[in-house]
């Protein structure tokens, strides 16, 4: 049981470090990934979506669609395609570190 807890904690630390790095690559403060609700707002801004989309995240089922659209926009902002979006959705513990520590550069509005 403790082995599973340690593995889970390691994955959580890896994801937090990865999202922190993605935020800093996009020119936003890394600590913002640690603040609930604000981290979603910053994520939406990095993805190029309007801030009011945060309100949509509180509506059940709509939030899933909004999150997928934001992930598509995030991948595009880093020069990645649809397959990468599927990776971010289904295997985030692999694809967020690849995005964070790989050679992908944030392209902002140029994407």
N, C-alpha and C. Protein backbone atom coordinates (compact mmCIF):
# COMPACT_ATOMS: atom_id res chain seq x y z
N UNK A 1 0.82 -1.20 0.00
CA UNK A 1 0.00 0.00 0.00
C UNK A 1 0.86 1.25 0.00
N UNK A 2 1.91 1.28 0.79
CA UNK A 2 2.75 2.48 0.83
C UNK A 2 3.49 2.68 -0.49
N UNK A 3 3.77 1.61 -1.21
CA UNK A 3 4.42 1.75 -2.51
C UNK A 3 3.51 2.50 -3.48
N UNK A 4 2.22 2.18 -3.46
CA UNK A 4 1.26 2.87 -4.32
C UNK A 4 1.14 4.34 -3.94
N UNK A 5 1.17 4.64 -2.68
CA UNK A 5 1.10 6.02 -2.22
C UNK A 5 2.34 6.78 -2.67
N UNK A 6 3.49 6.17 -2.57
CA UNK A 6 4.72 6.83 -3.02
C UNK A 6 4.73 7.06 -4.53
N UNK A 7 4.23 6.10 -5.27
CA UNK A 7 4.15 6.26 -6.73
C UNK A 7 3.17 7.39 -7.07
N UNK A 8 2.04 7.42 -6.39
CA UNK A 8 1.06 8.47 -6.63
C UNK A 8 1.64 9.84 -6.28
N UNK A 9 2.33 9.95 -5.18
CA UNK A 9 2.96 11.22 -4.81
C UNK A 9 4.01 11.65 -5.82
N UNK A 10 4.77 10.69 -6.33
CA UNK A 10 5.78 11.00 -7.34
C UNK A 10 5.13 11.54 -8.61
N UNK A 11 4.01 10.94 -9.01
CA UNK A 11 3.30 11.41 -10.20
C UNK A 11 2.75 12.82 -9.97
N UNK A 12 2.22 13.06 -8.77
CA UNK A 12 1.69 14.39 -8.46
C UNK A 12 2.80 15.44 -8.50
N UNK A 13 3.94 15.14 -7.91
CA UNK A 13 5.07 16.08 -7.92
C UNK A 13 5.54 16.32 -9.35
N UNK A 14 5.59 15.26 -10.16
CA UNK A 14 5.99 15.41 -11.56
C UNK A 14 5.03 16.31 -12.32
N UNK A 15 3.72 16.10 -12.11
CA UNK A 15 2.73 16.93 -12.80
C UNK A 15 2.77 18.38 -12.36
N UNK A 16 2.93 18.61 -11.07
CA UNK A 16 3.01 20.00 -10.58
C UNK A 16 4.25 20.69 -11.15
N UNK A 17 5.39 19.99 -11.15
CA UNK A 17 6.60 20.57 -11.72
C UNK A 17 6.44 20.84 -13.20
N UNK A 18 5.76 19.94 -13.90
CA UNK A 18 5.56 20.10 -15.34
C UNK A 18 4.66 21.27 -15.65
N UNK A 19 3.55 21.38 -14.94
CA UNK A 19 2.62 22.49 -15.19
C UNK A 19 3.28 23.81 -14.80
N UNK A 20 4.06 23.81 -13.71
CA UNK A 20 4.82 25.00 -13.31
C UNK A 20 5.71 25.44 -14.47
N UNK A 21 6.40 24.49 -15.08
CA UNK A 21 7.32 24.79 -16.18
C UNK A 21 6.56 25.27 -17.42
N UNK A 22 5.40 24.68 -17.71
CA UNK A 22 4.59 25.12 -18.85
C UNK A 22 4.16 26.57 -18.63
N UNK A 23 3.76 26.91 -17.41
CA UNK A 23 3.36 28.28 -17.11
C UNK A 23 4.54 29.24 -17.32
N UNK A 24 5.73 28.86 -16.85
CA UNK A 24 6.88 29.76 -17.00
C UNK A 24 7.31 29.86 -18.46
N UNK A 25 7.19 28.78 -19.23
CA UNK A 25 7.50 28.85 -20.65
C UNK A 25 6.58 29.84 -21.36
N UNK A 26 5.36 29.95 -20.88
CA UNK A 26 4.38 30.85 -21.48
C UNK A 26 4.49 32.27 -20.93
N UNK A 27 5.46 32.52 -20.08
CA UNK A 27 5.65 33.86 -19.54
C UNK A 27 4.76 34.21 -18.38
N UNK A 28 4.18 33.23 -17.75
CA UNK A 28 3.31 33.43 -16.58
C UNK A 28 4.05 32.94 -15.34
N UNK A 29 3.65 33.40 -14.16
CA UNK A 29 4.33 32.93 -12.94
C UNK A 29 4.03 31.44 -12.69
N UNK A 30 5.07 30.69 -12.39
CA UNK A 30 4.91 29.26 -12.16
C UNK A 30 4.08 28.94 -10.94
N UNK A 31 4.18 29.79 -9.91
CA UNK A 31 3.44 29.53 -8.67
C UNK A 31 1.93 29.56 -8.90
N UNK A 32 1.49 30.17 -10.01
CA UNK A 32 0.06 30.27 -10.28
C UNK A 32 -0.58 28.89 -10.45
N UNK A 33 0.21 27.89 -10.79
CA UNK A 33 -0.36 26.55 -10.95
C UNK A 33 -0.77 25.94 -9.62
N UNK A 34 -0.35 26.52 -8.52
CA UNK A 34 -0.66 25.99 -7.19
C UNK A 34 -1.92 26.59 -6.58
N UNK A 35 -2.44 27.65 -7.16
CA UNK A 35 -3.58 28.36 -6.59
C UNK A 35 -4.87 27.89 -7.26
N UNK A 36 -5.76 27.26 -6.50
CA UNK A 36 -7.00 26.77 -7.10
C UNK A 36 -7.81 27.89 -7.75
N UNK A 37 -8.48 27.59 -8.80
CA UNK A 37 -9.32 28.46 -9.62
C UNK A 37 -8.46 29.46 -10.41
N UNK A 38 -7.54 30.14 -9.74
CA UNK A 38 -6.66 31.07 -10.45
C UNK A 38 -5.81 30.31 -11.47
N UNK A 39 -5.40 29.08 -11.15
CA UNK A 39 -4.59 28.31 -12.09
C UNK A 39 -5.37 28.02 -13.37
N UNK A 40 -6.66 27.79 -13.26
CA UNK A 40 -7.47 27.55 -14.45
C UNK A 40 -7.59 28.83 -15.27
N UNK A 41 -7.75 29.96 -14.60
CA UNK A 41 -7.81 31.25 -15.29
C UNK A 41 -6.51 31.49 -16.07
N UNK A 42 -5.38 31.28 -15.41
CA UNK A 42 -4.09 31.49 -16.08
C UNK A 42 -3.92 30.50 -17.23
N UNK A 43 -4.34 29.25 -17.01
CA UNK A 43 -4.26 28.24 -18.06
C UNK A 43 -5.06 28.68 -19.29
N UNK A 44 -6.26 29.19 -19.07
CA UNK A 44 -7.09 29.67 -20.17
C UNK A 44 -6.42 30.84 -20.89
N UNK A 45 -5.79 31.73 -20.16
CA UNK A 45 -5.11 32.87 -20.77
C UNK A 45 -3.91 32.39 -21.59
N UNK A 46 -3.18 31.40 -21.09
CA UNK A 46 -2.06 30.84 -21.84
C UNK A 46 -2.57 30.22 -23.14
N UNK A 47 -3.72 29.55 -23.06
CA UNK A 47 -4.31 28.92 -24.24
C UNK A 47 -4.94 29.94 -25.19
N UNK A 48 -4.99 31.20 -24.77
CA UNK A 48 -5.55 32.23 -25.64
C UNK A 48 -7.05 32.34 -25.58
N UNK A 49 -7.64 31.79 -24.56
CA UNK A 49 -9.10 31.84 -24.40
C UNK A 49 -9.46 33.00 -23.47
N UNK A 50 -10.67 33.55 -23.62
CA UNK A 50 -11.07 34.67 -22.76
C UNK A 50 -11.25 34.23 -21.31
N UNK A 51 -11.01 35.15 -20.41
CA UNK A 51 -11.10 34.85 -18.99
C UNK A 51 -12.48 34.44 -18.52
N UNK A 52 -13.52 34.89 -19.21
CA UNK A 52 -14.87 34.54 -18.79
C UNK A 52 -15.17 33.06 -18.99
N UNK A 53 -14.33 32.37 -19.77
CA UNK A 53 -14.52 30.92 -19.92
C UNK A 53 -14.36 30.21 -18.59
N UNK A 54 -13.72 30.86 -17.63
CA UNK A 54 -13.59 30.27 -16.30
C UNK A 54 -14.97 29.98 -15.71
N UNK A 55 -15.93 30.85 -15.96
CA UNK A 55 -17.30 30.62 -15.47
C UNK A 55 -17.91 29.35 -16.06
N UNK A 56 -17.56 29.06 -17.31
CA UNK A 56 -18.08 27.85 -17.96
C UNK A 56 -17.53 26.59 -17.30
N UNK A 57 -16.40 26.71 -16.64
CA UNK A 57 -15.80 25.54 -15.98
C UNK A 57 -16.61 25.09 -14.77
N UNK A 58 -17.54 25.89 -14.32
CA UNK A 58 -18.38 25.52 -13.18
C UNK A 58 -19.69 24.85 -13.60
N UNK A 59 -19.90 24.72 -14.91
CA UNK A 59 -21.13 24.10 -15.41
C UNK A 59 -20.82 22.65 -15.79
N UNK A 60 -21.49 21.70 -15.14
CA UNK A 60 -21.22 20.28 -15.44
C UNK A 60 -21.43 19.97 -16.93
N UNK A 61 -20.60 19.12 -17.44
CA UNK A 61 -20.54 18.68 -18.84
C UNK A 61 -20.01 19.76 -19.77
N UNK A 62 -20.42 20.99 -19.57
CA UNK A 62 -19.86 22.08 -20.38
C UNK A 62 -18.37 22.21 -20.07
N UNK A 63 -18.02 22.00 -18.80
CA UNK A 63 -16.62 22.14 -18.41
C UNK A 63 -15.71 21.15 -19.15
N UNK A 64 -16.22 19.98 -19.47
CA UNK A 64 -15.41 19.00 -20.20
C UNK A 64 -15.11 19.51 -21.60
N UNK A 65 -16.12 20.05 -22.26
CA UNK A 65 -15.95 20.59 -23.61
C UNK A 65 -14.99 21.78 -23.59
N UNK A 66 -15.18 22.66 -22.62
CA UNK A 66 -14.31 23.84 -22.50
C UNK A 66 -12.87 23.41 -22.24
N UNK A 67 -12.69 22.42 -21.38
CA UNK A 67 -11.33 21.96 -21.06
C UNK A 67 -10.67 21.36 -22.30
N UNK A 68 -11.40 20.58 -23.08
CA UNK A 68 -10.84 19.99 -24.29
C UNK A 68 -10.48 21.09 -25.30
N UNK A 69 -11.36 22.08 -25.46
CA UNK A 69 -11.05 23.20 -26.36
C UNK A 69 -9.82 23.96 -25.89
N UNK A 70 -9.68 24.13 -24.59
CA UNK A 70 -8.50 24.82 -24.05
C UNK A 70 -7.24 23.99 -24.27
N UNK A 71 -7.34 22.68 -24.14
CA UNK A 71 -6.18 21.82 -24.40
C UNK A 71 -5.77 21.86 -25.87
N UNK A 72 -6.76 21.90 -26.76
CA UNK A 72 -6.46 22.03 -28.18
C UNK A 72 -5.71 23.34 -28.45
N UNK A 73 -6.21 24.41 -27.85
CA UNK A 73 -5.56 25.72 -28.03
C UNK A 73 -4.17 25.74 -27.41
N UNK A 74 -4.00 25.10 -26.24
CA UNK A 74 -2.69 25.04 -25.61
C UNK A 74 -1.70 24.29 -26.50
N UNK A 75 -2.11 23.15 -27.01
CA UNK A 75 -1.23 22.38 -27.89
C UNK A 75 -0.85 23.20 -29.12
N UNK A 76 -1.82 23.92 -29.69
CA UNK A 76 -1.53 24.76 -30.85
C UNK A 76 -0.54 25.87 -30.50
N UNK A 77 -0.67 26.43 -29.31
CA UNK A 77 0.23 27.50 -28.87
C UNK A 77 1.67 27.02 -28.70
N UNK A 78 1.82 25.71 -28.48
CA UNK A 78 3.15 25.13 -28.35
C UNK A 78 3.57 24.40 -29.63
N UNK A 79 2.79 24.57 -30.71
CA UNK A 79 3.15 23.98 -31.98
C UNK A 79 2.89 22.49 -32.08
N UNK A 80 1.96 21.99 -31.30
CA UNK A 80 1.62 20.57 -31.31
C UNK A 80 0.27 20.35 -31.98
N UNK A 81 0.01 19.12 -32.39
CA UNK A 81 -1.21 18.81 -33.12
C UNK A 81 -2.24 18.05 -32.31
N UNK A 82 -3.20 17.47 -33.03
CA UNK A 82 -4.32 16.78 -32.41
C UNK A 82 -3.93 15.53 -31.64
N UNK A 83 -2.95 14.80 -32.13
CA UNK A 83 -2.50 13.61 -31.40
C UNK A 83 -1.93 13.98 -30.04
N UNK A 84 -1.27 15.11 -29.98
CA UNK A 84 -0.71 15.57 -28.71
C UNK A 84 -1.82 15.93 -27.73
N UNK A 85 -2.90 16.48 -28.26
CA UNK A 85 -4.06 16.81 -27.42
C UNK A 85 -4.62 15.54 -26.79
N UNK A 86 -4.74 14.48 -27.58
CA UNK A 86 -5.21 13.20 -27.03
C UNK A 86 -4.28 12.71 -25.93
N UNK A 87 -2.98 12.91 -26.12
CA UNK A 87 -2.03 12.54 -25.08
C UNK A 87 -2.21 13.35 -23.81
N UNK A 88 -2.47 14.66 -23.97
CA UNK A 88 -2.70 15.50 -22.80
C UNK A 88 -3.97 15.09 -22.06
N UNK A 89 -4.96 14.60 -22.80
CA UNK A 89 -6.22 14.20 -22.18
C UNK A 89 -6.08 12.86 -21.47
N UNK A 90 -5.52 11.86 -22.16
CA UNK A 90 -5.52 10.51 -21.64
C UNK A 90 -4.25 10.09 -20.90
N UNK A 91 -3.12 10.72 -21.19
CA UNK A 91 -1.86 10.40 -20.53
C UNK A 91 -1.14 11.67 -20.09
N UNK A 92 -1.78 12.47 -19.24
CA UNK A 92 -1.17 13.76 -18.87
C UNK A 92 0.16 13.60 -18.14
N UNK A 93 0.35 12.52 -17.40
CA UNK A 93 1.58 12.32 -16.66
C UNK A 93 2.77 12.04 -17.58
N UNK A 94 2.51 11.80 -18.85
CA UNK A 94 3.57 11.63 -19.84
C UNK A 94 3.70 12.88 -20.71
N UNK A 95 2.58 13.41 -21.17
CA UNK A 95 2.61 14.49 -22.15
C UNK A 95 2.87 15.87 -21.55
N UNK A 96 2.43 16.15 -20.34
CA UNK A 96 2.78 17.44 -19.72
C UNK A 96 4.29 17.55 -19.48
N UNK A 97 4.95 16.50 -18.95
CA UNK A 97 6.41 16.61 -18.83
C UNK A 97 7.11 16.77 -20.18
N UNK A 98 6.59 16.10 -21.22
CA UNK A 98 7.18 16.26 -22.55
C UNK A 98 7.04 17.70 -23.03
N UNK A 99 5.88 18.30 -22.76
CA UNK A 99 5.65 19.68 -23.15
C UNK A 99 6.52 20.62 -22.33
N UNK A 100 6.63 20.34 -21.05
CA UNK A 100 7.36 21.22 -20.14
C UNK A 100 8.87 21.16 -20.34
N UNK A 101 9.40 19.97 -20.43
CA UNK A 101 10.86 19.81 -20.42
C UNK A 101 11.42 19.48 -21.79
N UNK A 102 10.55 19.41 -22.80
CA UNK A 102 11.00 19.18 -24.17
C UNK A 102 11.38 20.48 -24.84
N UNK A 103 11.55 20.42 -26.14
CA UNK A 103 12.01 21.59 -26.89
C UNK A 103 10.86 22.47 -27.41
N UNK A 104 9.63 22.16 -27.04
CA UNK A 104 8.48 22.96 -27.49
C UNK A 104 8.58 24.38 -26.94
N UNK A 105 8.36 25.35 -27.82
CA UNK A 105 8.40 26.75 -27.44
C UNK A 105 7.01 27.35 -27.52
N UNK A 106 6.69 28.20 -26.57
CA UNK A 106 5.40 28.89 -26.57
C UNK A 106 5.40 29.90 -27.68
N UNK A 107 4.38 29.85 -28.54
CA UNK A 107 4.32 30.73 -29.70
C UNK A 107 3.31 31.85 -29.54
N UNK A 108 2.55 31.84 -28.46
CA UNK A 108 1.61 32.91 -28.20
C UNK A 108 0.60 33.07 -29.31
N UNK A 109 0.32 34.29 -29.70
CA UNK A 109 -0.68 34.57 -30.71
C UNK A 109 -0.22 34.18 -32.11
N UNK A 110 1.05 33.85 -32.27
CA UNK A 110 1.57 33.47 -33.59
C UNK A 110 1.12 32.09 -34.01
N UNK A 111 0.60 31.30 -33.06
CA UNK A 111 0.23 29.92 -33.39
C UNK A 111 -1.01 29.86 -34.25
